[in-house]
N, C-alpha and C. Protein backbone atom coordinates (compact mmCIF):
# COMPACT_ATOMS: atom_id res chain seq x y z
N UNK A 1 -20.70 -13.39 -6.05
CA UNK A 1 -19.73 -13.68 -6.61
C UNK A 1 -19.17 -13.09 -8.00
N UNK A 2 -17.78 -12.91 -8.05
CA UNK A 2 -17.57 -11.87 -9.01
C UNK A 2 -16.36 -13.44 -9.74
N UNK A 3 -16.62 -12.83 -11.30
CA UNK A 3 -16.11 -13.78 -12.24
C UNK A 3 -14.63 -14.18 -12.30
N UNK A 4 -13.61 -14.59 -12.89
CA UNK A 4 -12.53 -14.46 -12.73
C UNK A 4 -12.03 -13.22 -13.53
N UNK A 5 -12.95 -13.80 -14.63
CA UNK A 5 -12.16 -12.38 -14.91
C UNK A 5 -12.41 -10.51 -14.47
N UNK A 6 -12.77 -10.23 -13.20
CA UNK A 6 -13.09 -9.72 -12.71
C UNK A 6 -11.99 -9.35 -11.93
N UNK A 7 -11.47 -10.62 -10.88
CA UNK A 7 -10.45 -10.77 -10.46
C UNK A 7 -9.18 -10.12 -11.38
N UNK A 8 -9.34 -10.44 -12.89
CA UNK A 8 -8.22 -10.41 -13.34
C UNK A 8 -8.00 -9.14 -13.22
N UNK A 9 -8.68 -7.94 -13.21
CA UNK A 9 -8.87 -6.48 -13.85
C UNK A 9 -8.31 -5.48 -11.91
N UNK A 10 -8.20 -6.48 -11.29
CA UNK A 10 -7.04 -6.01 -10.10
C UNK A 10 -6.06 -6.70 -10.17
N UNK A 11 -5.39 -5.29 -10.17
CA UNK A 11 -3.53 -5.33 -10.88
C UNK A 11 -3.25 -4.99 -9.30
N UNK A 12 -2.82 -6.24 -9.29
CA UNK A 12 -1.96 -6.25 -7.54
C UNK A 12 -0.48 -6.46 -7.60
N UNK A 13 0.46 -5.21 -7.20
CA UNK A 13 1.75 -5.36 -7.57
C UNK A 13 2.17 -5.45 -6.23
N UNK A 14 4.27 -5.69 -6.17
CA UNK A 14 4.68 -5.63 -4.89
C UNK A 14 5.70 -4.46 -5.71
N UNK A 15 5.51 -3.50 -4.63
CA UNK A 15 6.50 -2.58 -4.28
C UNK A 15 7.54 -2.21 -2.79
N UNK A 16 8.41 -1.32 -3.21
CA UNK A 16 9.30 -1.24 -1.73
C UNK A 16 9.10 0.34 -1.30
N UNK A 17 8.72 0.54 0.15
CA UNK A 17 8.18 1.53 0.35
C UNK A 17 9.95 2.45 0.91
N UNK A 18 10.36 3.48 0.58
CA UNK A 18 11.13 4.00 -0.12
C UNK A 18 11.25 5.99 0.73
N UNK A 19 9.85 5.76 1.26
CA UNK A 19 9.81 7.31 1.95
C UNK A 19 8.69 7.30 2.86
N UNK A 20 8.70 7.79 3.88
CA UNK A 20 7.36 6.99 5.15
C UNK A 20 7.08 8.38 5.81
N UNK A 21 6.37 9.31 5.64
CA UNK A 21 6.02 10.56 6.26
C UNK A 21 4.73 10.92 7.27
N UNK A 22 4.47 11.60 8.46
CA UNK A 22 3.30 11.67 9.29
C UNK A 22 1.95 12.10 8.39
N UNK A 23 1.27 11.90 9.01
CA UNK A 23 -0.13 12.42 7.97
C UNK A 23 -0.77 13.42 8.81
N UNK A 24 -0.78 14.12 9.60
CA UNK A 24 -1.35 14.63 10.69
C UNK A 24 -3.20 15.36 9.97
N UNK A 25 -3.54 15.38 8.71
CA UNK A 25 -4.36 15.64 8.34
C UNK A 25 -5.16 15.34 8.47
N UNK A 26 -4.84 13.70 8.13
CA UNK A 26 -5.85 12.71 7.91
C UNK A 26 -6.93 12.18 9.22
N UNK A 27 -8.12 11.83 8.85
CA UNK A 27 -8.91 11.82 10.05
C UNK A 27 -8.53 10.51 11.12
N UNK A 28 -8.27 9.23 10.14
CA UNK A 28 -7.64 8.34 11.49
C UNK A 28 -5.99 8.60 11.54
N UNK A 29 -5.46 8.23 12.36
CA UNK A 29 -3.32 7.86 12.37
C UNK A 29 -3.39 7.38 10.95
N UNK A 30 -2.42 7.93 10.41
CA UNK A 30 -1.82 7.51 8.75
C UNK A 30 -0.43 7.63 8.78
N UNK A 31 -0.39 7.25 7.97
CA UNK A 31 1.38 7.56 6.99
C UNK A 31 0.54 7.94 5.57
N UNK A 32 1.67 8.68 5.38
CA UNK A 32 2.05 8.97 3.35
C UNK A 32 3.12 8.10 3.45
N UNK A 33 2.76 7.56 2.31
CA UNK A 33 4.24 6.56 2.06
C UNK A 33 4.27 6.60 0.56
N UNK A 34 5.65 7.05 -0.43
CA UNK A 34 6.23 6.87 -1.07
C UNK A 34 6.47 5.17 -1.62
N UNK A 35 6.27 4.97 -2.38
CA UNK A 35 6.48 3.49 -2.91
C UNK A 35 7.03 2.96 -3.84
N UNK A 36 7.57 2.56 -4.29
CA UNK A 36 8.69 1.95 -5.76
C UNK A 36 7.93 0.74 -6.02
N UNK A 37 7.71 0.98 -7.21
CA UNK A 37 7.28 -0.30 -8.25
C UNK A 37 7.65 -0.59 -9.37
N UNK A 38 9.29 -0.50 -9.49
CA UNK A 38 9.85 -0.89 -10.39
C UNK A 38 9.46 -0.14 -11.14
N UNK A 39 9.29 -0.61 -12.41
CA UNK A 39 9.36 -0.26 -13.75
C UNK A 39 7.65 0.98 -13.79
N UNK A 40 6.95 0.36 -13.24
CA UNK A 40 5.88 1.07 -13.26
C UNK A 40 6.32 2.50 -12.53
N UNK A 41 6.93 2.68 -11.78
CA UNK A 41 7.46 4.08 -11.12
C UNK A 41 7.16 4.29 -9.59
N UNK A 42 6.82 4.96 -9.14
CA UNK A 42 7.19 5.71 -8.02
C UNK A 42 5.49 5.66 -7.55
N UNK A 43 5.13 5.73 -6.78
CA UNK A 43 3.26 6.05 -6.13
C UNK A 43 3.41 6.10 -4.54
N UNK A 44 2.29 7.27 -4.43
CA UNK A 44 2.06 7.66 -3.22
C UNK A 44 1.37 7.25 -3.04
N UNK A 45 0.84 6.90 -1.47
CA UNK A 45 -0.49 6.20 -0.70
C UNK A 45 -0.36 6.49 0.36
N UNK A 46 -1.56 6.73 1.07
CA UNK A 46 -1.94 6.81 2.63
C UNK A 46 -2.57 5.50 3.39
N UNK A 47 -1.34 5.56 4.42
CA UNK A 47 -2.07 4.31 4.80
C UNK A 47 -2.25 4.33 6.31
N UNK A 48 -3.33 3.77 6.81
CA UNK A 48 -3.95 3.25 8.60
C UNK A 48 -2.65 2.63 8.95
N UNK A 49 -1.49 2.42 9.27
CA UNK A 49 -1.01 1.44 9.21
C UNK A 49 0.03 2.31 10.58
N UNK A 50 0.01 2.90 11.47
CA UNK A 50 0.57 3.52 12.43
C UNK A 50 0.22 2.73 13.69
N UNK A 51 -0.51 2.04 14.13
CA UNK A 51 -0.36 1.26 15.47
C UNK A 51 0.24 -0.05 15.41
N UNK A 52 0.90 -0.83 14.45
CA UNK A 52 1.89 -1.42 14.81
C UNK A 52 3.03 -1.32 13.80
N UNK A 53 3.36 -0.13 12.46
CA UNK A 53 3.98 0.13 12.16
C UNK A 53 4.59 1.66 12.88
N UNK A 54 6.10 1.37 13.12
CA UNK A 54 7.15 3.40 12.86
C UNK A 54 7.17 3.23 11.53
N UNK A 55 7.79 4.38 11.44
CA UNK A 55 7.99 4.36 10.19
C UNK A 55 9.86 4.44 9.65
N UNK A 56 10.43 3.96 11.03
CA UNK A 56 11.64 3.08 10.82
C UNK A 56 11.08 1.74 10.20
N UNK A 57 10.22 1.19 10.66
CA UNK A 57 10.03 -0.32 10.32
C UNK A 57 9.08 -0.51 8.87
N UNK A 58 9.23 0.14 8.20
CA UNK A 58 8.75 0.23 7.00
C UNK A 58 9.69 0.79 5.88
N UNK A 59 10.12 1.74 5.76
CA UNK A 59 11.41 2.23 5.40
C UNK A 59 11.78 1.16 5.07
N UNK A 60 11.82 0.55 3.31
CA UNK A 60 12.47 0.08 2.50
C UNK A 60 11.83 -1.82 2.88
N UNK A 61 11.06 -1.74 3.39
CA UNK A 61 9.81 -2.71 3.23
C UNK A 61 8.83 -2.95 2.35
N UNK A 62 8.83 -4.42 1.89
CA UNK A 62 7.83 -5.15 0.81
C UNK A 62 7.01 -4.74 0.96
N UNK A 63 5.46 -4.88 0.65
CA UNK A 63 4.46 -4.88 0.25
C UNK A 63 3.75 -4.84 -0.87
N UNK A 64 2.53 -5.30 -0.39
CA UNK A 64 1.66 -5.57 -2.29
C UNK A 64 0.64 -4.82 -1.82
N UNK A 65 0.30 -3.94 -3.23
CA UNK A 65 -0.35 -2.77 -3.82
C UNK A 65 -1.50 -2.82 -5.07
N UNK A 66 -2.69 -2.90 -4.54
CA UNK A 66 -3.17 -2.57 -5.85
C UNK A 66 -3.22 -0.52 -6.53
N UNK A 67 -2.73 -1.29 -8.03
CA UNK A 67 -1.40 -0.21 -8.51
C UNK A 67 -3.03 0.44 -9.70
N UNK A 68 -4.10 -0.01 -10.21
CA UNK A 68 -5.29 0.30 -10.59
C UNK A 68 -6.39 0.58 -10.32
N UNK A 69 -6.55 1.45 -9.16
CA UNK A 69 -7.56 2.15 -8.84
C UNK A 69 -7.39 3.41 -9.65
N UNK A 70 -8.46 3.78 -9.60
CA UNK A 70 -8.19 5.40 -9.65
C UNK A 70 -7.72 5.78 -8.58
N UNK A 71 -7.09 7.71 -8.06
CA UNK A 71 -6.34 8.49 -7.64
C UNK A 71 -7.75 8.37 -6.68
N UNK A 72 -7.53 8.88 -5.09
CA UNK A 72 -8.46 9.14 -4.26
C UNK A 72 -7.71 9.92 -3.59
N UNK A 73 -8.38 11.11 -3.31
CA UNK A 73 -8.23 12.14 -2.29
C UNK A 73 -8.40 11.68 -1.23
N UNK A 74 -7.38 12.26 -0.13
CA UNK A 74 -7.61 11.91 1.29
C UNK A 74 -6.90 13.45 2.16
N UNK A 75 -7.97 14.11 2.29
CA UNK A 75 -7.87 15.33 3.06
C UNK A 75 -6.70 16.17 2.02
N UNK A 76 -5.60 16.65 2.19
CA UNK A 76 -5.10 17.90 1.20
C UNK A 76 -3.82 16.36 0.00
N UNK A 77 -3.91 15.58 0.12
CA UNK A 77 -3.12 14.18 -0.51
C UNK A 77 -3.90 13.63 -1.32
N UNK A 78 -3.34 13.00 -3.48
CA UNK A 78 -3.57 12.12 -3.37
C UNK A 78 -3.02 10.71 -3.49
N UNK A 79 -3.78 9.42 -2.85
CA UNK A 79 -3.60 8.58 -2.75
C UNK A 79 -3.59 7.45 -4.06
N UNK A 80 -2.47 7.02 -4.81
CA UNK A 80 -2.51 6.37 -5.94
C UNK A 80 -2.62 5.04 -6.22
N UNK A 81 -2.21 4.58 -5.24
CA UNK A 81 -2.54 2.94 -4.69
C UNK A 81 -2.90 2.77 -3.72
N UNK A 82 -3.78 1.28 -3.49
CA UNK A 82 -3.74 1.18 -2.01
C UNK A 82 -2.78 -0.26 -1.53
N UNK A 83 -2.53 0.00 -0.58
CA UNK A 83 -1.55 -0.74 0.26
C UNK A 83 -2.92 -2.05 1.12
N UNK A 84 -2.44 -3.18 0.90
CA UNK A 84 -2.99 -3.94 1.05
C UNK A 84 -2.47 -4.65 2.39
N UNK A 85 -3.64 -4.93 3.20
CA UNK A 85 -3.65 -5.77 4.72
C UNK A 85 -4.28 -6.15 4.87
N UNK A 86 -4.22 -7.00 6.40
CA UNK A 86 -5.50 -8.31 6.47
C UNK A 86 -6.58 -7.08 8.24
N UNK A 87 -7.22 -7.32 7.96
CA UNK A 87 -8.25 -6.08 8.46
C UNK A 87 -8.97 -6.77 9.25
N UNK A 88 -9.44 -6.19 10.62
CA UNK A 88 -10.44 -6.99 11.79
C UNK A 88 -10.61 -5.77 12.45
N UNK A 89 -11.84 -5.97 12.69
CA UNK A 89 -12.87 -4.66 13.42
C UNK A 89 -11.14 -4.12 14.39
N UNK A 90 -11.66 -5.78 15.52
CA UNK A 90 -10.78 -4.89 16.68
C UNK A 90 -9.39 -5.34 16.90
N UNK A 91 -8.64 -4.84 15.86
CA UNK A 91 -7.46 -4.94 15.77
C UNK A 91 -6.47 -4.68 14.26
N UNK A 92 -5.61 -3.81 14.69
CA UNK A 92 -5.00 -2.89 13.87
C UNK A 92 -4.74 -3.50 12.50
N UNK A 93 -4.23 -2.72 11.59
CA UNK A 93 -4.08 -3.68 9.75
C UNK A 93 -2.52 -4.67 10.40
N UNK A 94 -2.45 -5.45 9.76
CA UNK A 94 -1.19 -6.21 9.19
C UNK A 94 -1.19 -6.12 7.83
N UNK A 95 0.03 -5.93 6.91
CA UNK A 95 -0.02 -5.42 6.38
C UNK A 95 0.49 -6.93 5.01
N UNK A 96 -0.19 -7.01 3.78
CA UNK A 96 0.53 -8.16 3.27
C UNK A 96 1.99 -7.80 2.75
N UNK A 97 2.94 -8.84 2.67
CA UNK A 97 3.78 -8.71 2.08
C UNK A 97 4.34 -10.24 1.56
N UNK A 98 5.89 -10.21 -0.08
CA UNK A 98 5.69 -11.50 0.07
C UNK A 98 6.68 -12.17 1.07
N UNK A 99 7.17 -13.20 1.35
CA UNK A 99 7.53 -14.04 2.14
C UNK A 99 9.55 -13.38 2.33
N UNK A 100 9.61 -13.32 0.84
CA UNK A 100 11.01 -13.52 0.60
C UNK A 100 11.30 -11.52 -0.46
N UNK A 101 12.47 -11.55 -0.37
CA UNK A 101 12.46 -10.35 -1.19
C UNK A 101 11.98 -10.41 -2.31
N UNK A 102 12.13 -9.92 -3.64
CA UNK A 102 11.27 -9.93 -4.57
C UNK A 102 11.84 -8.45 -5.59
N UNK A 103 11.09 -8.87 -7.14
CA UNK A 103 12.17 -7.66 -7.99
C UNK A 103 10.47 -6.61 -7.67
N UNK A 104 11.05 -4.93 -7.82
CA UNK A 104 9.49 -4.51 -7.37
C UNK A 104 8.97 -4.18 -8.79
N UNK A 105 7.28 -4.40 -8.81
CA UNK A 105 6.76 -4.32 -9.54
C UNK A 105 5.93 -5.64 -10.04
N UNK A 106 6.74 -7.02 -9.34
CA UNK A 106 6.23 -7.99 -10.13
C UNK A 106 4.37 -7.91 -9.51
N UNK A 107 3.53 -8.82 -10.38
CA UNK A 107 2.63 -8.74 -10.01
C UNK A 107 1.99 -9.89 -8.89
N UNK A 108 0.88 -10.07 -9.06
CA UNK A 108 0.07 -10.49 -7.52
C UNK A 108 -0.54 -11.57 -8.54
N UNK A 109 -0.48 -12.85 -8.74
CA UNK A 109 -1.86 -13.91 -9.15
C UNK A 109 -1.96 -14.88 -8.57
């Protein structure tokens, strides 16, 4: 069990994907994403979501990501946030997203 204070430390925000590129150097199939978090700025992320989502499907889609983890090196790329999705060992990742358009950068609570 974690405390409420622990949960409050995880900063989840809404952002809009503004660029999607293939990431052939990743060990598992992935995309490189540029995500606009409004006042927080633009951050990059690597996401293993190629099975269900095409680059065209992802462009301009709002997602939810953790933005206060330290950057993580993935091959030759620095991932600056963690895009969140539903994970099941036997199925592809399904992205978490707001059910309607909201302002980029808003916090998930």
